[in-house]
Amino acid sequence: MQFLFKWLIFAVALHLTFWSGARLGLDMSPSPKWQDNLIMALLLGLVNAFIKRGVKLALLPLNCLTLGIAGLLVNTLLFWAVFALAPFNFRIGNFWAALYGSLVLGVINGLLSGVLLRDEPKKRR
């Protein structure tokens, strides 16, 4: 049940990210269908879980040399690639919109998760 709630929160964060980016005049627009938000949230979560970790591990020395800028670039490019290849109604027009999307999605998802999810206290032994 926790997984479904996290997935729903991520889908809402995704829609809010695209909605806010479109309102700021960036070249991005959300999908009007809520089903697309759920599918893209799942797809983006899978890419983050499997592909992003391997790429970041391979680029770890470069990430250390650039003080994290390489990691930010990887995050932005993967975000842009997922939405460019997916056959849904989301649109990201340029690199700056993808950078905004990857940063703001993380912030909104973190805020919503922090407010709406309760961590169960760990048992001490």
PDB file of N, CA and C in Angstrom:
ATOM      1  N   MET A   1       0.818  -1.189   0.000  1.00  0.00           N
ATOM      2  CA  MET A   1       0.000   0.000   0.000  1.00  0.00           C
ATOM      3  C   MET A   1       0.866   1.259   0.000  1.00  0.00           C
ATOM      4  N   GLN A   2       1.999   1.193   0.699  1.00  0.00           N
ATOM      5  CA  GLN A   2       2.922   2.324   0.763  1.00  0.00           C
ATOM      6  C   GLN A   2       3.460   2.653  -0.628  1.00  0.00           C
ATOM      7  N   PHE A   3       3.757   1.623  -1.432  1.00  0.00           N
ATOM      8  CA  PHE A   3       4.261   1.839  -2.789  1.00  0.00           C
ATOM      9  C   PHE A   3       3.241   2.593  -3.634  1.00  0.00           C
ATOM     10  N   LEU A   4       1.983   2.217  -3.539  1.00  0.00           N
ATOM     11  CA  LEU A   4       0.947   2.888  -4.325  1.00  0.00           C
ATOM     12  C   LEU A   4       0.795   4.351  -3.930  1.00  0.00           C
ATOM     13  N   PHE A   5       0.895   4.624  -2.652  1.00  0.00           N
ATOM     14  CA  PHE A   5       0.774   6.001  -2.185  1.00  0.00           C
ATOM     15  C   PHE A   5       1.968   6.837  -2.646  1.00  0.00           C
ATOM     16  N   LYS A   6       3.169   6.265  -2.596  1.00  0.00           N
ATOM     17  CA  LYS A   6       4.356   6.967  -3.081  1.00  0.00           C
ATOM     18  C   LYS A   6       4.259   7.223  -4.585  1.00  0.00           C
ATOM     19  N   TRP A   7       3.732   6.259  -5.315  1.00  0.00           N
ATOM     20  CA  TRP A   7       3.560   6.390  -6.761  1.00  0.00           C
ATOM     21  C   TRP A   7       2.572   7.505  -7.076  1.00  0.00           C
ATOM     22  N   LEU A   8       1.495   7.573  -6.344  1.00  0.00           N
ATOM     23  CA  LEU A   8       0.501   8.619  -6.534  1.00  0.00           C
ATOM     24  C   LEU A   8       1.082   9.993  -6.202  1.00  0.00           C
ATOM     25  N   ILE A   9       1.856  10.091  -5.139  1.00  0.00           N
ATOM     26  CA  ILE A   9       2.497  11.350  -4.782  1.00  0.00           C
ATOM     27  C   ILE A   9       3.465  11.788  -5.874  1.00  0.00           C
ATOM     28  N   PHE A  10       4.227  10.848  -6.423  1.00  0.00           N
ATOM     29  CA  PHE A  10       5.173  11.165  -7.489  1.00  0.00           C
ATOM     30  C   PHE A  10       4.439  11.628  -8.744  1.00  0.00           C
ATOM     31  N   ALA A  11       3.298  11.019  -9.058  1.00  0.00           N
ATOM     32  CA  ALA A  11       2.509  11.435 -10.223  1.00  0.00           C
ATOM     33  C   ALA A  11       1.960  12.842 -10.028  1.00  0.00           C
ATOM     34  N   VAL A  12       1.507  13.159  -8.840  1.00  0.00           N
ATOM     35  CA  VAL A  12       1.017  14.509  -8.551  1.00  0.00           C
ATOM     36  C   VAL A  12       2.173  15.513  -8.646  1.00  0.00           C
ATOM     37  N   ALA A  13       3.327  15.153  -8.113  1.00  0.00           N
ATOM     38  CA  ALA A  13       4.502  16.026  -8.201  1.00  0.00           C
ATOM     39  C   ALA A  13       4.912  16.243  -9.650  1.00  0.00           C
ATOM     40  N   LEU A  14       4.810  15.210 -10.461  1.00  0.00           N
ATOM     41  CA  LEU A  14       5.140  15.323 -11.882  1.00  0.00           C
ATOM     42  C   LEU A  14       4.196  16.293 -12.578  1.00  0.00           C
ATOM     43  N   HIS A  15       2.916  16.171 -12.304  1.00  0.00           N
ATOM     44  CA  HIS A  15       1.952  17.079 -12.932  1.00  0.00           C
ATOM     45  C   HIS A  15       2.171  18.524 -12.466  1.00  0.00           C
ATOM     46  N   LEU A  16       2.431  18.716 -11.179  1.00  0.00           N
ATOM     47  CA  LEU A  16       2.675  20.066 -10.664  1.00  0.00           C
ATOM     48  C   LEU A  16       3.944  20.673 -11.259  1.00  0.00           C
ATOM     49  N   THR A  17       4.950  19.856 -11.490  1.00  0.00           N
ATOM     50  CA  THR A  17       6.191  20.336 -12.096  1.00  0.00           C
ATOM     51  C   THR A  17       5.941  20.833 -13.509  1.00  0.00           C
ATOM     52  N   PHE A  18       5.247  20.036 -14.303  1.00  0.00           N
ATOM     53  CA  PHE A  18       4.974  20.451 -15.679  1.00  0.00           C
ATOM     54  C   PHE A  18       4.017  21.634 -15.725  1.00  0.00           C
ATOM     55  N   TRP A  19       3.050  21.656 -14.839  1.00  0.00           N
ATOM     56  CA  TRP A  19       2.101  22.756 -14.799  1.00  0.00           C
ATOM     57  C   TRP A  19       2.816  24.062 -14.448  1.00  0.00           C
ATOM     58  N   SER A  20       3.687  24.020 -13.428  1.00  0.00           N
ATOM     59  CA  SER A  20       4.400  25.234 -13.020  1.00  0.00           C
ATOM     60  C   SER A  20       5.389  25.681 -14.095  1.00  0.00           C
ATOM     61  N   GLY A  21       6.033  24.742 -14.758  1.00  0.00           N
ATOM     62  CA  GLY A  21       6.956  25.100 -15.832  1.00  0.00           C
ATOM     63  C   GLY A  21       6.250  25.766 -16.993  1.00  0.00           C
ATOM     64  N   ALA A  22       5.067  25.277 -17.338  1.00  0.00           N
ATOM     65  CA  ALA A  22       4.288  25.903 -18.414  1.00  0.00           C
ATOM     66  C   ALA A  22       3.834  27.297 -18.001  1.00  0.00           C
ATOM     67  N   ARG A  23       3.483  27.486 -16.735  1.00  0.00           N
ATOM     68  CA  ARG A  23       3.039  28.796 -16.253  1.00  0.00           C
ATOM     69  C   ARG A  23       4.186  29.801 -16.213  1.00  0.00           C
ATOM     70  N   LEU A  24       5.411  29.319 -16.033  1.00  0.00           N
ATOM     71  CA  LEU A  24       6.572  30.205 -16.023  1.00  0.00           C
ATOM     72  C   LEU A  24       7.057  30.552 -17.422  1.00  0.00           C
ATOM     73  N   GLY A  25       6.451  29.964 -18.427  1.00  0.00           N
ATOM     74  CA  GLY A  25       6.817  30.265 -19.805  1.00  0.00           C
ATOM     75  C   GLY A  25       7.891  29.364 -20.378  1.00  0.00           C
ATOM     76  N   LEU A  26       8.228  28.298 -19.677  1.00  0.00           N
ATOM     77  CA  LEU A  26       9.194  27.345 -20.224  1.00  0.00           C
ATOM     78  C   LEU A  26       8.514  26.500 -21.302  1.00  0.00           C
ATOM     79  N   ASP A  27       9.312  25.931 -22.158  1.00  0.00           N
ATOM     80  CA  ASP A  27       8.784  25.135 -23.262  1.00  0.00           C
ATOM     81  C   ASP A  27       8.475  23.721 -22.774  1.00  0.00           C
ATOM     82  N   MET A  28       7.448  23.617 -21.934  1.00  0.00           N
ATOM     83  CA  MET A  28       7.017  22.320 -21.430  1.00  0.00           C
ATOM     84  C   MET A  28       5.521  22.393 -21.145  1.00  0.00           C
ATOM     85  N   SER A  29       4.869  21.250 -21.311  1.00  0.00           N
ATOM     86  CA  SER A  29       3.435  21.222 -21.024  1.00  0.00           C
ATOM     87  C   SER A  29       3.060  19.853 -20.473  1.00  0.00           C
ATOM     88  N   PRO A  30       2.138  19.826 -19.495  1.00  0.00           N
ATOM     89  CA  PRO A  30       1.717  18.548 -18.908  1.00  0.00           C
ATOM     90  C   PRO A  30       0.699  17.845 -19.795  1.00  0.00           C
ATOM     91  N   SER A  31       0.510  16.595 -19.534  1.00  0.00           N
ATOM     92  CA  SER A  31      -0.509  15.828 -20.228  1.00  0.00           C
ATOM     93  C   SER A  31      -1.855  16.082 -19.561  1.00  0.00           C
ATOM     94  N   PRO A  32      -2.918  16.231 -20.336  1.00  0.00           N
ATOM     95  CA  PRO A  32      -4.230  16.455 -19.722  1.00  0.00           C
ATOM     96  C   PRO A  32      -4.843  15.191 -19.112  1.00  0.00           C
ATOM     97  N   LYS A  33      -4.293  14.032 -19.446  1.00  0.00           N
ATOM     98  CA  LYS A  33      -4.845  12.769 -18.941  1.00  0.00           C
ATOM     99  C   LYS A  33      -4.119  12.351 -17.665  1.00  0.00           C
ATOM    100  N   TRP A  34      -4.870  12.012 -16.643  1.00  0.00           N
ATOM    101  CA  TRP A  34      -4.256  11.592 -15.387  1.00  0.00           C
ATOM    102  C   TRP A  34      -3.587  10.229 -15.531  1.00  0.00           C
ATOM    103  N   GLN A  35      -4.048   9.398 -16.466  1.00  0.00           N
ATOM    104  CA  GLN A  35      -3.428   8.093 -16.679  1.00  0.00           C
ATOM    105  C   GLN A  35      -1.993   8.252 -17.191  1.00  0.00           C
ATOM    106  N   ASP A  36      -1.783   9.262 -18.046  1.00  0.00           N
ATOM    107  CA  ASP A  36      -0.435   9.517 -18.545  1.00  0.00           C
ATOM    108  C   ASP A  36       0.511   9.899 -17.410  1.00  0.00           C
ATOM    109  N   ASN A  37       0.011  10.668 -16.445  1.00  0.00           N
ATOM    110  CA  ASN A  37       0.835  11.041 -15.293  1.00  0.00           C
ATOM    111  C   ASN A  37       1.251   9.813 -14.498  1.00  0.00           C
ATOM    112  N   LEU A  38       0.325   8.884 -14.292  1.00  0.00           N
ATOM    113  CA  LEU A  38       0.653   7.671 -13.538  1.00  0.00           C
ATOM    114  C   LEU A  38       1.672   6.805 -14.276  1.00  0.00           C
ATOM    115  N   ILE A  39       1.481   6.641 -15.576  1.00  0.00           N
ATOM    116  CA  ILE A  39       2.400   5.805 -16.351  1.00  0.00           C
ATOM    117  C   ILE A  39       3.784   6.439 -16.429  1.00  0.00           C
ATOM    118  N   MET A  40       3.837   7.765 -16.644  1.00  0.00           N
ATOM    119  CA  MET A  40       5.134   8.429 -16.722  1.00  0.00           C
ATOM    120  C   MET A  40       5.838   8.446 -15.371  1.00  0.00           C
ATOM    121  N   ALA A  41       5.080   8.538 -14.286  1.00  0.00           N
ATOM    122  CA  ALA A  41       5.697   8.479 -12.961  1.00  0.00           C
ATOM    123  C   ALA A  41       6.326   7.106 -12.737  1.00  0.00           C
ATOM    124  N   LEU A  42       5.641   6.056 -13.154  1.00  0.00           N
ATOM    125  CA  LEU A  42       6.200   4.713 -13.029  1.00  0.00           C
ATOM    126  C   LEU A  42       7.428   4.544 -13.921  1.00  0.00           C
ATOM    127  N   LEU A  43       7.345   5.021 -15.155  1.00  0.00           N
ATOM    128  CA  LEU A  43       8.462   4.904 -16.084  1.00  0.00           C
ATOM    129  C   LEU A  43       9.675   5.697 -15.599  1.00  0.00           C
ATOM    130  N   LEU A  44       9.444   6.909 -15.122  1.00  0.00           N
ATOM    131  CA  LEU A  44      10.543   7.717 -14.609  1.00  0.00           C
ATOM    132  C   LEU A  44      11.154   7.095 -13.350  1.00  0.00           C
ATOM    133  N   GLY A  45      10.320   6.505 -12.516  1.00  0.00           N
ATOM    134  CA  GLY A  45      10.829   5.810 -11.339  1.00  0.00           C
ATOM    135  C   GLY A  45      11.684   4.610 -11.693  1.00  0.00           C
ATOM    136  N   LEU A  46      11.276   3.869 -12.716  1.00  0.00           N
ATOM    137  CA  LEU A  46      12.073   2.714 -13.156  1.00  0.00           C
ATOM    138  C   LEU A  46      13.410   3.146 -13.750  1.00  0.00           C
ATOM    139  N   VAL A  47      13.395   4.213 -14.535  1.00  0.00           N
ATOM    140  CA  VAL A  47      14.646   4.727 -15.102  1.00  0.00           C
ATOM    141  C   VAL A  47      15.564   5.205 -13.982  1.00  0.00           C
ATOM    142  N   ASN A  48      15.007   5.896 -12.987  1.00  0.00           N
ATOM    143  CA  ASN A  48      15.822   6.356 -11.859  1.00  0.00           C
ATOM    144  C   ASN A  48      16.367   5.193 -11.047  1.00  0.00           C
ATOM    145  N   ALA A  49      15.592   4.139 -10.919  1.00  0.00           N
ATOM    146  CA  ALA A  49      16.030   3.001 -10.104  1.00  0.00           C
ATOM    147  C   ALA A  49      17.109   2.172 -10.778  1.00  0.00           C
ATOM    148  N   PHE A  50      17.022   2.015 -12.087  1.00  0.00           N
ATOM    149  CA  PHE A  50      17.940   1.097 -12.756  1.00  0.00           C
ATOM    150  C   PHE A  50      19.012   1.792 -13.584  1.00  0.00           C
ATOM    151  N   ILE A  51      18.639   2.656 -14.468  1.00  0.00           N
ATOM    152  CA  ILE A  51      19.606   3.251 -15.400  1.00  0.00           C
ATOM    153  C   ILE A  51      20.422   4.354 -14.743  1.00  0.00           C
ATOM    154  N   LYS A  52      19.756   5.237 -14.012  1.00  0.00           N
ATOM    155  CA  LYS A  52      20.442   6.388 -13.432  1.00  0.00           C
ATOM    156  C   LYS A  52      21.527   5.975 -12.443  1.00  0.00           C
ATOM    157  N   ARG A  53      21.266   4.955 -11.657  1.00  0.00           N
ATOM    158  CA  ARG A  53      22.273   4.516 -10.679  1.00  0.00           C
ATOM    159  C   ARG A  53      23.530   4.007 -11.363  1.00  0.00           C
ATOM    160  N   GLY A  54      23.358   3.244 -12.437  1.00  0.00           N
ATOM    161  CA  GLY A  54      24.525   2.728 -13.161  1.00  0.00           C
ATOM    162  C   GLY A  54      25.318   3.825 -13.835  1.00  0.00           C
ATOM    163  N   VAL A  55      24.638   4.779 -14.436  1.00  0.00           N
ATOM    164  CA  VAL A  55      25.324   5.883 -15.104  1.00  0.00           C
ATOM    165  C   VAL A  55      26.055   6.751 -14.080  1.00  0.00           C
ATOM    166  N   LYS A  56      25.411   7.029 -12.968  1.00  0.00           N
ATOM    167  CA  LYS A  56      26.063   7.846 -11.942  1.00  0.00           C
ATOM    168  C   LYS A  56      27.256   7.118 -11.331  1.00  0.00           C
ATOM    169  N   LEU A  57      27.169   5.801 -11.181  1.00  0.00           N
ATOM    170  CA  LEU A  57      28.303   5.045 -10.665  1.00  0.00           C
ATOM    171  C   LEU A  57      29.466   5.073 -11.653  1.00  0.00           C
ATOM    172  N   ALA A  58      29.163   4.958 -12.941  1.00  0.00           N
ATOM    173  CA  ALA A  58      30.211   5.004 -13.954  1.00  0.00           C
ATOM    174  C   ALA A  58      30.863   6.387 -14.029  1.00  0.00           C
ATOM    175  N   LEU A  59      30.101   7.423 -13.765  1.00  0.00           N
ATOM    176  CA  LEU A  59      30.618   8.789 -13.847  1.00  0.00           C
ATOM    177  C   LEU A  59      31.026   9.359 -12.488  1.00  0.00           C
ATOM    178  N   LEU A  60      31.194   8.496 -11.499  1.00  0.00           N
ATOM    179  CA  LEU A  60      31.526   8.962 -10.154  1.00  0.00           C
ATOM    180  C   LEU A  60      32.812   9.781 -10.099  1.00  0.00           C
ATOM    181  N   PRO A  61      33.900   9.378 -10.760  1.00  0.00           N
ATOM    182  CA  PRO A  61      35.101  10.224 -10.711  1.00  0.00           C
ATOM    183  C   PRO A  61      34.876  11.610 -11.321  1.00  0.00           C
ATOM    184  N   LEU A  62      34.149  11.666 -12.432  1.00  0.00           N
ATOM    185  CA  LEU A  62      33.850  12.958 -13.046  1.00  0.00           C
ATOM    186  C   LEU A  62      32.934  13.796 -12.160  1.00  0.00           C
ATOM    187  N   ASN A  63      32.017  13.137 -11.484  1.00  0.00           N
ATOM    188  CA  ASN A  63      31.121  13.836 -10.570  1.00  0.00           C
ATOM    189  C   ASN A  63      31.895  14.430  -9.396  1.00  0.00           C
ATOM    190  N   CYS A  64      32.893  13.721  -8.916  1.00  0.00           N
ATOM    191  CA  CYS A  64      33.720  14.254  -7.831  1.00  0.00           C
ATOM    192  C   CYS A  64      34.557  15.443  -8.300  1.00  0.00           C
ATOM    193  N   LEU A  65      35.081  15.366  -9.519  1.00  0.00           N
ATOM    194  CA  LEU A  65      35.892  16.462 -10.046  1.00  0.00           C
ATOM    195  C   LEU A  65      35.069  17.725 -10.299  1.00  0.00           C
ATOM    196  N   THR A  66      33.826  17.557 -10.694  1.00  0.00           N
ATOM    197  CA  THR A  66      32.994  18.718 -11.015  1.00  0.00           C
ATOM    198  C   THR A  66      32.097  19.134  -9.847  1.00  0.00           C
ATOM    199  N   LEU A  67      32.308  18.539  -8.688  1.00  0.00           N
ATOM    200  CA  LEU A  67      31.556  18.874  -7.477  1.00  0.00           C
ATOM    201  C   LEU A  67      30.048  18.708  -7.650  1.00  0.00           C
ATOM    202  N   GLY A  68      29.642  17.668  -8.368  1.00  0.00           N
ATOM    203  CA  GLY A  68      28.225  17.331  -8.484  1.00  0.00           C
ATOM    204  C   GLY A  68      27.545  17.834  -9.736  1.00  0.00           C
ATOM    205  N   ILE A  69      28.215  18.650 -10.519  1.00  0.00           N
ATOM    206  CA  ILE A  69      27.578  19.185 -11.730  1.00  0.00           C
ATOM    207  C   ILE A  69      27.354  18.075 -12.750  1.00  0.00           C
ATOM    208  N   ALA A  70      28.231  17.105 -12.825  1.00  0.00           N
ATOM    209  CA  ALA A  70      28.035  15.982 -13.745  1.00  0.00           C
ATOM    210  C   ALA A  70      26.797  15.179 -13.359  1.00  0.00           C
ATOM    211  N   GLY A  71      26.559  15.009 -12.071  1.00  0.00           N
ATOM    212  CA  GLY A  71      25.349  14.316 -11.613  1.00  0.00           C
ATOM    213  C   GLY A  71      24.092  15.072 -11.981  1.00  0.00           C
ATOM    214  N   LEU A  72      24.136  16.377 -11.863  1.00  0.00           N
ATOM    215  CA  LEU A  72      23.003  17.213 -12.257  1.00  0.00           C
ATOM    216  C   LEU A  72      22.753  17.111 -13.761  1.00  0.00           C
ATOM    217  N   LEU A  73      23.824  17.076 -14.526  1.00  0.00           N
ATOM    218  CA  LEU A  73      23.705  16.937 -15.973  1.00  0.00           C
ATOM    219  C   LEU A  73      23.120  15.578 -16.349  1.00  0.00           C
ATOM    220  N   VAL A  74      23.555  14.516 -15.695  1.00  0.00           N
ATOM    221  CA  VAL A  74      23.008  13.177 -15.945  1.00  0.00           C
ATOM    222  C   VAL A  74      21.527  13.138 -15.612  1.00  0.00           C
ATOM    223  N   ASN A  75      21.154  13.708 -14.478  1.00  0.00           N
ATOM    224  CA  ASN A  75      19.761  13.738 -14.067  1.00  0.00           C
ATOM    225  C   ASN A  75      18.902  14.483 -15.092  1.00  0.00           C
ATOM    226  N   THR A  76      19.388  15.617 -15.563  1.00  0.00           N
ATOM    227  CA  THR A  76      18.656  16.411 -16.543  1.00  0.00           C
ATOM    228  C   THR A  76      18.523  15.679 -17.872  1.00  0.00           C
ATOM    229  N   LEU A  77      19.598  15.083 -18.351  1.00  0.00           N
ATOM    230  CA  LEU A  77      19.555  14.389 -19.644  1.00  0.00           C
ATOM    231  C   LEU A  77      18.660  13.158 -19.602  1.00  0.00           C
ATOM    232  N   LEU A  78      18.683  12.418 -18.508  1.00  0.00           N
ATOM    233  CA  LEU A  78      17.787  11.261 -18.389  1.00  0.00           C
ATOM    234  C   LEU A  78      16.325  11.704 -18.303  1.00  0.00           C
ATOM    235  N   PHE A  79      16.054  12.785 -17.586  1.00  0.00           N
ATOM    236  CA  PHE A  79      14.700  13.329 -17.504  1.00  0.00           C
ATOM    237  C   PHE A  79      14.219  13.731 -18.894  1.00  0.00           C
ATOM    238  N   TRP A  80      15.063  14.416 -19.636  1.00  0.00           N
ATOM    239  CA  TRP A  80      14.728  14.865 -20.986  1.00  0.00           C
ATOM    240  C   TRP A  80      14.521  13.674 -21.911  1.00  0.00           C
ATOM    241  N   ALA A  81      15.382  12.667 -21.818  1.00  0.00           N
ATOM    242  CA  ALA A  81      15.284  11.496 -22.700  1.00  0.00           C
ATOM    243  C   ALA A  81      14.010  10.698 -22.443  1.00  0.00           C
ATOM    244  N   VAL A  82      13.647  10.527 -21.189  1.00  0.00           N
ATOM    245  CA  VAL A  82      12.437   9.764 -20.875  1.00  0.00           C
ATOM    246  C   VAL A  82      11.212  10.421 -21.481  1.00  0.00           C
ATOM    247  N   PHE A  83      11.112  11.731 -21.346  1.00  0.00           N
ATOM    248  CA  PHE A  83       9.936  12.416 -21.877  1.00  0.00           C
ATOM    249  C   PHE A  83       9.997  12.605 -23.382  1.00  0.00           C
ATOM    250  N   ALA A  84      11.188  12.594 -23.969  1.00  0.00           N
ATOM    251  CA  ALA A  84      11.301  12.691 -25.420  1.00  0.00           C
ATOM    252  C   ALA A  84      10.928  11.369 -26.084  1.00  0.00           C
ATOM    253  N   LEU A  85      11.225  10.246 -25.442  1.00  0.00           N
ATOM    254  CA  LEU A  85      10.970   8.940 -26.040  1.00  0.00           C
ATOM    255  C   LEU A  85       9.588   8.375 -25.722  1.00  0.00           C
ATOM    256  N   ALA A  86       8.960   8.865 -24.683  1.00  0.00           N
ATOM    257  CA  ALA A  86       7.658   8.328 -24.272  1.00  0.00           C
ATOM    258  C   ALA A  86       6.557   8.818 -25.220  1.00  0.00           C
ATOM    259  N   PRO A  87       5.608   7.947 -25.549  1.00  0.00           N
ATOM    260  CA  PRO A  87       4.569   8.323 -26.516  1.00  0.00           C
ATOM    261  C   PRO A  87       3.349   8.990 -25.872  1.00  0.00           C
ATOM    262  N   PHE A  88       3.574   9.868 -24.912  1.00  0.00           N
ATOM    263  CA  PHE A  88       2.463  10.524 -24.233  1.00  0.00           C
ATOM    264  C   PHE A  88       2.455  12.009 -24.574  1.00  0.00           C
ATOM    265  N   ASN A  89       1.530  12.743 -24.009  1.00  0.00           N
ATOM    266  CA  ASN A  89       1.313  14.134 -24.383  1.00  0.00           C
ATOM    267  C   ASN A  89       2.152  15.132 -23.597  1.00  0.00           C
ATOM    268  N   PHE A  90       3.179  14.696 -22.916  1.00  0.00           N
ATOM    269  CA  PHE A  90       4.081  15.620 -22.241  1.00  0.00           C
ATOM    270  C   PHE A  90       5.019  16.231 -23.278  1.00  0.00           C
ATOM    271  N   ARG A  91       5.433  17.471 -23.044  1.00  0.00           N
ATOM    272  CA  ARG A  91       6.368  18.093 -23.970  1.00  0.00           C
ATOM    273  C   ARG A  91       7.440  18.841 -23.189  1.00  0.00           C
ATOM    274  N   ILE A  92       8.675  18.548 -23.507  1.00  0.00           N
ATOM    275  CA  ILE A  92       9.819  19.299 -23.003  1.00  0.00           C
ATOM    276  C   ILE A  92      10.576  19.763 -24.228  1.00  0.00           C
ATOM    277  N   GLY A  93      10.670  21.068 -24.402  1.00  0.00           N
ATOM    278  CA  GLY A  93      11.222  21.603 -25.638  1.00  0.00           C
ATOM    279  C   GLY A  93      12.711  21.804 -25.662  1.00  0.00           C
ATOM    280  N   ASN A  94      13.338  22.078 -24.516  1.00  0.00           N
ATOM    281  CA  ASN A  94      14.757  22.378 -24.547  1.00  0.00           C
ATOM    282  C   ASN A  94      15.437  21.920 -23.258  1.00  0.00           C
ATOM    283  N   PHE A  95      16.746  22.113 -23.215  1.00  0.00           N
ATOM    284  CA  PHE A  95      17.537  21.676 -22.071  1.00  0.00           C
ATOM    285  C   PHE A  95      17.136  22.396 -20.792  1.00  0.00           C
ATOM    286  N   TRP A  96      16.853  23.687 -20.879  1.00  0.00           N
ATOM    287  CA  TRP A  96      16.539  24.471 -19.686  1.00  0.00           C
ATOM    288  C   TRP A  96      15.223  24.037 -19.060  1.00  0.00           C
ATOM    289  N   ALA A  97      14.276  23.661 -19.888  1.00  0.00           N
ATOM    290  CA  ALA A  97      13.015  23.133 -19.355  1.00  0.00           C
ATOM    291  C   ALA A  97      13.253  21.793 -18.664  1.00  0.00           C
ATOM    292  N   ALA A  98      14.137  20.965 -19.226  1.00  0.00           N
ATOM    293  CA  ALA A  98      14.459  19.682 -18.596  1.00  0.00           C
ATOM    294  C   ALA A  98      15.214  19.887 -17.286  1.00  0.00           C
ATOM    295  N   LEU A  99      16.107  20.867 -17.239  1.00  0.00           N
ATOM    296  CA  LEU A  99      16.819  21.174 -16.004  1.00  0.00           C
ATOM    297  C   LEU A  99      15.845  21.638 -14.926  1.00  0.00           C
ATOM    298  N   TYR A 100      14.952  22.544 -15.296  1.00  0.00           N
ATOM    299  CA  TYR A 100      13.927  23.002 -14.358  1.00  0.00           C
ATOM    300  C   TYR A 100      13.081  21.823 -13.884  1.00  0.00           C
ATOM    301  N   GLY A 101      12.650  20.981 -14.814  1.00  0.00           N
ATOM    302  CA  GLY A 101      11.803  19.848 -14.473  1.00  0.00           C
ATOM    303  C   GLY A 101      12.472  18.870 -13.533  1.00  0.00           C
ATOM    304  N   SER A 102      13.730  18.551 -13.785  1.00  0.00           N
ATOM    305  CA  SER A 102      14.414  17.574 -12.935  1.00  0.00           C
ATOM    306  C   SER A 102      14.647  18.128 -11.532  1.00  0.00           C
ATOM    307  N   LEU A 103      14.960  19.413 -11.425  1.00  0.00           N
ATOM    308  CA  LEU A 103      15.183  20.012 -10.106  1.00  0.00           C
ATOM    309  C   LEU A 103      13.878  20.173  -9.329  1.00  0.00           C
ATOM    310  N   VAL A 104      12.874  20.725  -9.976  1.00  0.00           N
ATOM    311  CA  VAL A 104      11.620  21.022  -9.287  1.00  0.00           C
ATOM    312  C   VAL A 104      10.856  19.744  -8.955  1.00  0.00           C
ATOM    313  N   LEU A 105      10.944  18.726  -9.804  1.00  0.00           N
ATOM    314  CA  LEU A 105      10.290  17.456  -9.501  1.00  0.00           C
ATOM    315  C   LEU A 105      10.839  16.860  -8.207  1.00  0.00           C
ATOM    316  N   GLY A 106      12.141  16.922  -8.036  1.00  0.00           N
ATOM    317  CA  GLY A 106      12.736  16.416  -6.805  1.00  0.00           C
ATOM    318  C   GLY A 106      12.296  17.191  -5.574  1.00  0.00           C
ATOM    319  N   VAL A 107      12.218  18.510  -5.710  1.00  0.00           N
ATOM    320  CA  VAL A 107      11.809  19.350  -4.576  1.00  0.00           C
ATOM    321  C   VAL A 107      10.341  19.110  -4.223  1.00  0.00           C
ATOM    322  N   ILE A 108       9.468  19.135  -5.233  1.00  0.00           N
ATOM    323  CA  ILE A 108       8.036  18.944  -4.970  1.00  0.00           C
ATOM    324  C   ILE A 108       7.771  17.548  -4.424  1.00  0.00           C
ATOM    325  N   ASN A 109       8.413  16.538  -5.004  1.00  0.00           N
ATOM    326  CA  ASN A 109       8.225  15.175  -4.516  1.00  0.00           C
ATOM    327  C   ASN A 109       8.716  15.046  -3.070  1.00  0.00           C
ATOM    328  N   GLY A 110       9.833  15.658  -2.754  1.00  0.00           N
ATOM    329  CA  GLY A 110      10.340  15.613  -1.392  1.00  0.00           C
ATOM    330  C   GLY A 110       9.413  16.308  -0.403  1.00  0.00           C
ATOM    331  N   LEU A 111       8.881  17.452  -0.791  1.00  0.00           N
ATOM    332  CA  LEU A 111       7.958  18.172   0.085  1.00  0.00           C
ATOM    333  C   LEU A 111       6.666  17.395   0.306  1.00  0.00           C
ATOM    334  N   LEU A 112       6.080  16.899  -0.789  1.00  0.00           N
ATOM    335  CA  LEU A 112       4.833  16.141  -0.653  1.00  0.00           C
ATOM    336  C   LEU A 112       5.040  14.859   0.148  1.00  0.00           C
ATOM    337  N   SER A 113       6.145  14.182  -0.102  1.00  0.00           N
ATOM    338  CA  SER A 113       6.423  12.947   0.633  1.00  0.00           C
ATOM    339  C   SER A 113       6.663  13.235   2.112  1.00  0.00           C
ATOM    340  N   GLY A 114       7.362  14.313   2.397  1.00  0.00           N
ATOM    341  CA  GLY A 114       7.616  14.662   3.785  1.00  0.00           C
ATOM    342  C   GLY A 114       6.360  15.021   4.549  1.00  0.00           C
ATOM    343  N   VAL A 115       5.409  15.660   3.869  1.00  0.00           N
ATOM    344  CA  VAL A 115       4.180  16.071   4.531  1.00  0.00           C
ATOM    345  C   VAL A 115       3.182  14.922   4.620  1.00  0.00           C
ATOM    346  N   LEU A 116       3.059  14.140   3.556  1.00  0.00           N
ATOM    347  CA  LEU A 116       1.989  13.147   3.482  1.00  0.00           C
ATOM    348  C   LEU A 116       2.371  11.749   3.963  1.00  0.00           C
ATOM    349  N   LEU A 117       3.628  11.413   3.934  1.00  0.00           N
ATOM    350  CA  LEU A 117       4.047  10.075   4.353  1.00  0.00           C
ATOM    351  C   LEU A 117       4.581  10.118   5.775  1.00  0.00           C
ATOM    352  N   ARG A 118       4.165   9.161   6.544  1.00  0.00           N
ATOM    353  CA  ARG A 118       4.676   9.030   7.906  1.00  0.00           C
ATOM    354  C   ARG A 118       5.595   7.833   7.958  1.00  0.00           C
ATOM    355  N   ASP A 119       6.790   8.053   8.419  1.00  0.00           N
ATOM    356  CA  ASP A 119       7.710   6.937   8.618  1.00  0.00           C
ATOM    357  C   ASP A 119       7.375   6.254   9.923  1.00  0.00           C
ATOM    358  N   GLU A 120       7.320   4.935   9.879  1.00  0.00           N
ATOM    359  CA  GLU A 120       7.072   4.195  11.099  1.00  0.00           C
ATOM    360  C   GLU A 120       8.339   4.189  11.945  1.00  0.00           C
ATOM    361  N   PRO A 121       8.201   4.392  13.240  1.00  0.00           N
ATOM    362  CA  PRO A 121       9.398   4.385  14.093  1.00  0.00           C
ATOM    363  C   PRO A 121      10.044   3.002  14.105  1.00  0.00           C
ATOM    364  N   LYS A 122      11.359   3.003  14.085  1.00  0.00           N
ATOM    365  CA  LYS A 122      12.102   1.746  14.105  1.00  0.00           C
ATOM    366  C   LYS A 122      12.135   1.195  15.523  1.00  0.00           C
ATOM    367  N   LYS A 123      12.026  -0.102  15.605  1.00  0.00           N
ATOM    368  CA  LYS A 123      12.064  -0.756  16.920  1.00  0.00           C
ATOM    369  C   LYS A 123      13.508  -0.866  17.381  1.00  0.00           C
ATOM    370  N   ARG A 124      13.721  -0.528  18.631  1.00  0.00           N
ATOM    371  CA  ARG A 124      15.064  -0.650  19.205  1.00  0.00           C
ATOM    372  C   ARG A 124      15.187  -2.010  19.863  1.00  0.00           C
ATOM    373  N   ARG A 125      16.345  -2.568  19.740  1.00  0.00           N
ATOM    374  CA  ARG A 125      16.581  -3.893  20.337  1.00  0.00           C
ATOM    375  C   ARG A 125      17.510  -3.782  21.495  1.00  0.00           C
TER     376      ARG A 125
END
